Amino acid sequence: MTTWEYLTTPLLIHNTAAILNNWGKQGWELVQVVPGPEGGLVAYLKRPAGGGAQNAGLDAAAQASRQFEGN
């Protein structure tokens, strides 16, 4: 059975394609885009869970997500 890891990230309207392409190059698949709690848009992405080089950048993504959420 496939297990998944998930990521949320804010989307800047003027740079949406570049943001999504960047995550796509790292193996993330867009699941949904929803309005953010303070306006703007938030993208929900997923990819198969696993360690190693395929997950490079995950810590940076988690940190960016925490900053966006104010944690």
PDB file of N, CA and C in Angstrom:
ATOM      1  N   MET A   1       0.842  -1.168   0.000  1.00  0.00           N
ATOM      2  CA  MET A   1       0.000   0.000   0.000  1.00  0.00           C
ATOM      3  C   MET A   1       0.901   1.249   0.000  1.00  0.00           C
ATOM      4  N   THR A   2       0.538   2.232  -0.795  1.00  0.00           N
ATOM      5  CA  THR A   2       1.287   3.484  -0.848  1.00  0.00           C
ATOM      6  C   THR A   2       0.940   4.338   0.359  1.00  0.00           C
ATOM      7  N   THR A   3       1.970   4.869   1.003  1.00  0.00           N
ATOM      8  CA  THR A   3       1.752   5.861   2.049  1.00  0.00           C
ATOM      9  C   THR A   3       2.170   7.211   1.500  1.00  0.00           C
ATOM     10  N   TRP A   4       1.571   8.264   2.009  1.00  0.00           N
ATOM     11  CA  TRP A   4       1.752   9.599   1.454  1.00  0.00           C
ATOM     12  C   TRP A   4       2.260  10.573   2.502  1.00  0.00           C
ATOM     13  N   GLU A   5       2.954  11.583   2.041  1.00  0.00           N
ATOM     14  CA  GLU A   5       3.270  12.736   2.865  1.00  0.00           C
ATOM     15  C   GLU A   5       2.621  13.935   2.188  1.00  0.00           C
ATOM     16  N   TYR A   6       2.281  14.921   2.997  1.00  0.00           N
ATOM     17  CA  TYR A   6       1.519  16.061   2.506  1.00  0.00           C
ATOM     18  C   TYR A   6       2.215  17.372   2.819  1.00  0.00           C
ATOM     19  N   LEU A   7       1.905  18.388   2.029  1.00  0.00           N
ATOM     20  CA  LEU A   7       2.502  19.710   2.167  1.00  0.00           C
ATOM     21  C   LEU A   7       1.430  20.748   1.867  1.00  0.00           C
ATOM     22  N   THR A   8       1.415  21.815   2.635  1.00  0.00           N
ATOM     23  CA  THR A   8       0.590  22.978   2.292  1.00  0.00           C
ATOM     24  C   THR A   8       1.528  24.150   2.052  1.00  0.00           C
ATOM     25  N   THR A   9       1.193  24.966   1.077  1.00  0.00           N
ATOM     26  CA  THR A   9       2.025  26.119   0.755  1.00  0.00           C
ATOM     27  C   THR A   9       1.155  27.252   0.228  1.00  0.00           C
ATOM     28  N   PRO A  10       1.483  28.496   0.581  1.00  0.00           N
ATOM     29  CA  PRO A  10       0.728  29.624   0.028  1.00  0.00           C
ATOM     30  C   PRO A  10       1.061  29.796  -1.456  1.00  0.00           C
ATOM     31  N   LEU A  11       0.088  30.266  -2.207  1.00  0.00           N
ATOM     32  CA  LEU A  11       0.294  30.554  -3.623  1.00  0.00           C
ATOM     33  C   LEU A  11       0.187  32.053  -3.843  1.00  0.00           C
ATOM     34  N   LEU A  12       1.193  32.619  -4.458  1.00  0.00           N
ATOM     35  CA  LEU A  12       1.165  34.029  -4.816  1.00  0.00           C
ATOM     36  C   LEU A  12       0.542  34.139  -6.200  1.00  0.00           C
ATOM     37  N   ILE A  13      -0.494  34.915  -6.321  1.00  0.00           N
ATOM     38  CA  ILE A  13      -1.251  34.992  -7.565  1.00  0.00           C
ATOM     39  C   ILE A  13      -0.363  35.312  -8.760  1.00  0.00           C
ATOM     40  N   HIS A  14       0.602  36.195  -8.596  1.00  0.00           N
ATOM     41  CA  HIS A  14       1.447  36.603  -9.726  1.00  0.00           C
ATOM     42  C   HIS A  14       2.523  35.567 -10.064  1.00  0.00           C
ATOM     43  N   ASN A  15       2.643  34.492  -9.269  1.00  0.00           N
ATOM     44  CA  ASN A  15       3.717  33.520  -9.478  1.00  0.00           C
ATOM     45  C   ASN A  15       3.251  32.075  -9.283  1.00  0.00           C
ATOM     46  N   THR A  16       1.977  31.829  -9.451  1.00  0.00           N
ATOM     47  CA  THR A  16       1.398  30.517  -9.155  1.00  0.00           C
ATOM     48  C   THR A  16       2.057  29.387  -9.941  1.00  0.00           C
ATOM     49  N   ALA A  17       2.199  29.544 -11.245  1.00  0.00           N
ATOM     50  CA  ALA A  17       2.761  28.468 -12.065  1.00  0.00           C
ATOM     51  C   ALA A  17       4.184  28.130 -11.640  1.00  0.00           C
ATOM     52  N   ALA A  18       4.999  29.135 -11.374  1.00  0.00           N
ATOM     53  CA  ALA A  18       6.384  28.884 -10.971  1.00  0.00           C
ATOM     54  C   ALA A  18       6.438  28.143  -9.635  1.00  0.00           C
ATOM     55  N   ILE A  19       5.582  28.528  -8.703  1.00  0.00           N
ATOM     56  CA  ILE A  19       5.550  27.863  -7.399  1.00  0.00           C
ATOM     57  C   ILE A  19       5.164  26.391  -7.570  1.00  0.00           C
ATOM     58  N   LEU A  20       4.089  26.138  -8.309  1.00  0.00           N
ATOM     59  CA  LEU A  20       3.632  24.756  -8.502  1.00  0.00           C
ATOM     60  C   LEU A  20       4.648  23.942  -9.302  1.00  0.00           C
ATOM     61  N   ASN A  21       5.276  24.539 -10.308  1.00  0.00           N
ATOM     62  CA  ASN A  21       6.300  23.821 -11.072  1.00  0.00           C
ATOM     63  C   ASN A  21       7.486  23.450 -10.196  1.00  0.00           C
ATOM     64  N   ASN A  22       7.869  24.334  -9.292  1.00  0.00           N
ATOM     65  CA  ASN A  22       8.971  24.059  -8.378  1.00  0.00           C
ATOM     66  C   ASN A  22       8.658  22.844  -7.509  1.00  0.00           C
ATOM     67  N   TRP A  23       7.464  22.804  -6.924  1.00  0.00           N
ATOM     68  CA  TRP A  23       7.100  21.642  -6.098  1.00  0.00           C
ATOM     69  C   TRP A  23       6.953  20.386  -6.953  1.00  0.00           C
ATOM     70  N   GLY A  24       6.428  20.535  -8.168  1.00  0.00           N
ATOM     71  CA  GLY A  24       6.280  19.380  -9.052  1.00  0.00           C
ATOM     72  C   GLY A  24       7.619  18.747  -9.398  1.00  0.00           C
ATOM     73  N   LYS A  25       8.652  19.557  -9.570  1.00  0.00           N
ATOM     74  CA  LYS A  25       9.993  19.031  -9.852  1.00  0.00           C
ATOM     75  C   LYS A  25      10.539  18.223  -8.685  1.00  0.00           C
ATOM     76  N   GLN A  26      10.020  18.469  -7.491  1.00  0.00           N
ATOM     77  CA  GLN A  26      10.449  17.736  -6.307  1.00  0.00           C
ATOM     78  C   GLN A  26       9.535  16.546  -6.019  1.00  0.00           C
ATOM     79  N   GLY A  27       8.642  16.246  -6.957  1.00  0.00           N
ATOM     80  CA  GLY A  27       7.807  15.058  -6.829  1.00  0.00           C
ATOM     81  C   GLY A  27       6.445  15.279  -6.193  1.00  0.00           C
ATOM     82  N   TRP A  28       6.093  16.538  -5.911  1.00  0.00           N
ATOM     83  CA  TRP A  28       4.811  16.833  -5.285  1.00  0.00           C
ATOM     84  C   TRP A  28       3.712  16.933  -6.336  1.00  0.00           C
ATOM     85  N   GLU A  29       2.553  16.384  -6.032  1.00  0.00           N
ATOM     86  CA  GLU A  29       1.382  16.435  -6.911  1.00  0.00           C
ATOM     87  C   GLU A  29       0.320  17.315  -6.259  1.00  0.00           C
ATOM     88  N   LEU A  30      -0.214  18.265  -7.026  1.00  0.00           N
ATOM     89  CA  LEU A  30      -1.244  19.151  -6.514  1.00  0.00           C
ATOM     90  C   LEU A  30      -2.524  18.361  -6.268  1.00  0.00           C
ATOM     91  N   VAL A  31      -3.091  18.518  -5.079  1.00  0.00           N
ATOM     92  CA  VAL A  31      -4.342  17.850  -4.726  1.00  0.00           C
ATOM     93  C   VAL A  31      -5.500  18.834  -4.786  1.00  0.00           C
ATOM     94  N   GLN A  32      -5.286  20.027  -4.203  1.00  0.00           N
ATOM     95  CA  GLN A  32      -6.375  20.989  -4.109  1.00  0.00           C
ATOM     96  C   GLN A  32      -5.820  22.382  -3.821  1.00  0.00           C
ATOM     97  N   VAL A  33      -6.551  23.400  -4.271  1.00  0.00           N
ATOM     98  CA  VAL A  33      -6.253  24.785  -3.934  1.00  0.00           C
ATOM     99  C   VAL A  33      -7.488  25.357  -3.257  1.00  0.00           C
ATOM    100  N   VAL A  34      -7.289  25.966  -2.082  1.00  0.00           N
ATOM    101  CA  VAL A  34      -8.410  26.532  -1.325  1.00  0.00           C
ATOM    102  C   VAL A  34      -8.060  27.951  -0.882  1.00  0.00           C
ATOM    103  N   PRO A  35      -9.080  28.753  -0.564  1.00  0.00           N
ATOM    104  CA  PRO A  35      -8.803  30.085  -0.010  1.00  0.00           C
ATOM    105  C   PRO A  35      -8.084  29.963   1.330  1.00  0.00           C
ATOM    106  N   GLY A  36      -7.100  30.826   1.570  1.00  0.00           N
ATOM    107  CA  GLY A  36      -6.369  30.823   2.829  1.00  0.00           C
ATOM    108  C   GLY A  36      -7.175  31.483   3.931  1.00  0.00           C
ATOM    109  N   PRO A  37      -6.798  31.253   5.185  1.00  0.00           N
ATOM    110  CA  PRO A  37      -7.544  31.807   6.319  1.00  0.00           C
ATOM    111  C   PRO A  37      -7.492  33.334   6.387  1.00  0.00           C
ATOM    112  N   GLU A  38      -6.446  33.922   5.810  1.00  0.00           N
ATOM    113  CA  GLU A  38      -6.312  35.375   5.819  1.00  0.00           C
ATOM    114  C   GLU A  38      -6.309  35.937   4.405  1.00  0.00           C
ATOM    115  N   GLY A  39      -6.996  35.266   3.503  1.00  0.00           N
ATOM    116  CA  GLY A  39      -7.013  35.674   2.109  1.00  0.00           C
ATOM    117  C   GLY A  39      -5.938  34.943   1.327  1.00  0.00           C
ATOM    118  N   GLY A  40      -5.910  35.143   0.040  1.00  0.00           N
ATOM    119  CA  GLY A  40      -4.946  34.428  -0.792  1.00  0.00           C
ATOM    120  C   GLY A  40      -5.364  32.981  -0.981  1.00  0.00           C
ATOM    121  N   LEU A  41      -4.470  32.219  -1.567  1.00  0.00           N
ATOM    122  CA  LEU A  41      -4.745  30.810  -1.844  1.00  0.00           C
ATOM    123  C   LEU A  41      -3.711  29.927  -1.177  1.00  0.00           C
ATOM    124  N   VAL A  42      -4.126  28.716  -0.820  1.00  0.00           N
ATOM    125  CA  VAL A  42      -3.236  27.720  -0.237  1.00  0.00           C
ATOM    126  C   VAL A  42      -3.343  26.455  -1.084  1.00  0.00           C
ATOM    127  N   ALA A  43      -2.191  25.900  -1.465  1.00  0.00           N
ATOM    128  CA  ALA A  43      -2.147  24.661  -2.240  1.00  0.00           C
ATOM    129  C   ALA A  43      -1.863  23.491  -1.301  1.00  0.00           C
ATOM    130  N   TYR A  44      -2.577  22.395  -1.511  1.00  0.00           N
ATOM    131  CA  TYR A  44      -2.332  21.143  -0.804  1.00  0.00           C
ATOM    132  C   TYR A  44      -1.714  20.180  -1.805  1.00  0.00           C
ATOM    133  N   LEU A  45      -0.564  19.621  -1.444  1.00  0.00           N
ATOM    134  CA  LEU A  45       0.161  18.720  -2.336  1.00  0.00           C
ATOM    135  C   LEU A  45       0.465  17.413  -1.615  1.00  0.00           C
ATOM    136  N   LYS A  46       0.732  16.368  -2.394  1.00  0.00           N
ATOM    137  CA  LYS A  46       1.100  15.076  -1.817  1.00  0.00           C
ATOM    138  C   LYS A  46       2.142  14.410  -2.688  1.00  0.00           C
ATOM    139  N   ARG A  47       2.869  13.448  -2.089  1.00  0.00           N
ATOM    140  CA  ARG A  47       3.781  12.587  -2.836  1.00  0.00           C
ATOM    141  C   ARG A  47       3.980  11.312  -2.016  1.00  0.00           C
ATOM    142  N   PRO A  48       4.391  10.242  -2.655  1.00  0.00           N
ATOM    143  CA  PRO A  48       4.636   9.011  -1.909  1.00  0.00           C
ATOM    144  C   PRO A  48       5.695   9.242  -0.832  1.00  0.00           C
ATOM    145  N   ALA A  49       5.463   8.708   0.343  1.00  0.00           N
ATOM    146  CA  ALA A  49       6.402   8.862   1.455  1.00  0.00           C
ATOM    147  C   ALA A  49       7.639   8.018   1.194  1.00  0.00           C
ATOM    148  N   GLY A  50       8.751   8.471   1.715  1.00  0.00           N
ATOM    149  CA  GLY A  50      10.006   7.754   1.581  1.00  0.00           C
ATOM    150  C   GLY A  50      11.144   8.688   1.908  1.00  0.00           C
ATOM    151  N   GLY A  51      12.273   8.138   2.236  1.00  0.00           N
ATOM    152  CA  GLY A  51      13.414   8.969   2.610  1.00  0.00           C
ATOM    153  C   GLY A  51      14.361   9.168   1.449  1.00  0.00           C
ATOM    154  N   GLY A  52      15.510   9.708   1.761  1.00  0.00           N
ATOM    155  CA  GLY A  52      16.565   9.837   0.772  1.00  0.00           C
ATOM    156  C   GLY A  52      16.473  11.086  -0.064  1.00  0.00           C
ATOM    157  N   ALA A  53      17.201  11.069  -1.170  1.00  0.00           N
ATOM    158  CA  ALA A  53      17.332  12.238  -2.028  1.00  0.00           C
ATOM    159  C   ALA A  53      16.002  12.680  -2.621  1.00  0.00           C
ATOM    160  N   GLN A  54      15.065  11.739  -2.809  1.00  0.00           N
ATOM    161  CA  GLN A  54      13.796  12.107  -3.411  1.00  0.00           C
ATOM    162  C   GLN A  54      13.022  13.090  -2.545  1.00  0.00           C
ATOM    163  N   ASN A  55      13.358  13.170  -1.254  1.00  0.00           N
ATOM    164  CA  ASN A  55      12.668  14.078  -0.350  1.00  0.00           C
ATOM    165  C   ASN A  55      13.507  15.294   0.014  1.00  0.00           C
ATOM    166  N   ALA A  56      14.525  15.584  -0.756  1.00  0.00           N
ATOM    167  CA  ALA A  56      15.346  16.769  -0.486  1.00  0.00           C
ATOM    168  C   ALA A  56      14.460  18.002  -0.532  1.00  0.00           C
ATOM    169  N   GLY A  57      14.636  18.863   0.427  1.00  0.00           N
ATOM    170  CA  GLY A  57      13.834  20.083   0.484  1.00  0.00           C
ATOM    171  C   GLY A  57      12.610  19.980   1.359  1.00  0.00           C
ATOM    172  N   LEU A  58      12.319  18.808   1.898  1.00  0.00           N
ATOM    173  CA  LEU A  58      11.131  18.647   2.730  1.00  0.00           C
ATOM    174  C   LEU A  58      11.215  19.495   3.989  1.00  0.00           C
ATOM    175  N   ASP A  59      12.382  19.551   4.624  1.00  0.00           N
ATOM    176  CA  ASP A  59      12.541  20.366   5.827  1.00  0.00           C
ATOM    177  C   ASP A  59      12.299  21.838   5.517  1.00  0.00           C
ATOM    178  N   ALA A  60      12.798  22.308   4.386  1.00  0.00           N
ATOM    179  CA  ALA A  60      12.579  23.698   3.994  1.00  0.00           C
ATOM    180  C   ALA A  60      11.096  23.953   3.754  1.00  0.00           C
ATOM    181  N   ALA A  61      10.409  23.000   3.146  1.00  0.00           N
ATOM    182  CA  ALA A  61       8.976  23.147   2.900  1.00  0.00           C
ATOM    183  C   ALA A  61       8.204  23.198   4.210  1.00  0.00           C
ATOM    184  N   ALA A  62       8.576  22.345   5.146  1.00  0.00           N
ATOM    185  CA  ALA A  62       7.901  22.335   6.435  1.00  0.00           C
ATOM    186  C   ALA A  62       8.116  23.654   7.164  1.00  0.00           C
ATOM    187  N   GLN A  63       9.328  24.181   7.096  1.00  0.00           N
ATOM    188  CA  GLN A  63       9.631  25.454   7.750  1.00  0.00           C
ATOM    189  C   GLN A  63       8.826  26.584   7.108  1.00  0.00           C
ATOM    190  N   ALA A  64       8.775  26.615   5.800  1.00  0.00           N
ATOM    191  CA  ALA A  64       8.009  27.651   5.109  1.00  0.00           C
ATOM    192  C   ALA A  64       6.533  27.551   5.461  1.00  0.00           C
ATOM    193  N   SER A  65       6.028  26.333   5.550  1.00  0.00           N
ATOM    194  CA  SER A  65       4.634  26.130   5.911  1.00  0.00           C
ATOM    195  C   SER A  65       4.343  26.644   7.314  1.00  0.00           C
ATOM    196  N   ARG A  66       5.255  26.369   8.265  1.00  0.00           N
ATOM    197  CA  ARG A  66       5.069  26.837   9.642  1.00  0.00           C
ATOM    198  C   ARG A  66       5.077  28.363   9.690  1.00  0.00           C
ATOM    199  N   GLN A  67       5.948  29.001   8.916  1.00  0.00           N
ATOM    200  CA  GLN A  67       5.997  30.458   8.892  1.00  0.00           C
ATOM    201  C   GLN A  67       4.705  31.029   8.339  1.00  0.00           C
ATOM    202  N   PHE A  68       4.176  30.400   7.302  1.00  0.00           N
ATOM    203  CA  PHE A  68       2.932  30.848   6.711  1.00  0.00           C
ATOM    204  C   PHE A  68       1.777  30.736   7.698  1.00  0.00           C
ATOM    205  N   GLU A  69       1.788  29.664   8.479  1.00  0.00           N
ATOM    206  CA  GLU A  69       0.716  29.415   9.437  1.00  0.00           C
ATOM    207  C   GLU A  69       0.918  30.189  10.734  1.00  0.00           C
ATOM    208  N   GLY A  70       2.056  30.868  10.866  1.00  0.00           N
ATOM    209  CA  GLY A  70       2.314  31.674  12.053  1.00  0.00           C
ATOM    210  C   GLY A  70       2.802  30.890  13.248  1.00  0.00           C
ATOM    211  N   ASN A  71       3.357  29.691  13.034  1.00  0.00           N
ATOM    212  CA  ASN A  71       3.865  28.858  14.140  1.00  0.00           C
ATOM    213  C   ASN A  71       5.350  28.969  14.251  1.00  0.00           C
TER     214      ASN A  71
END
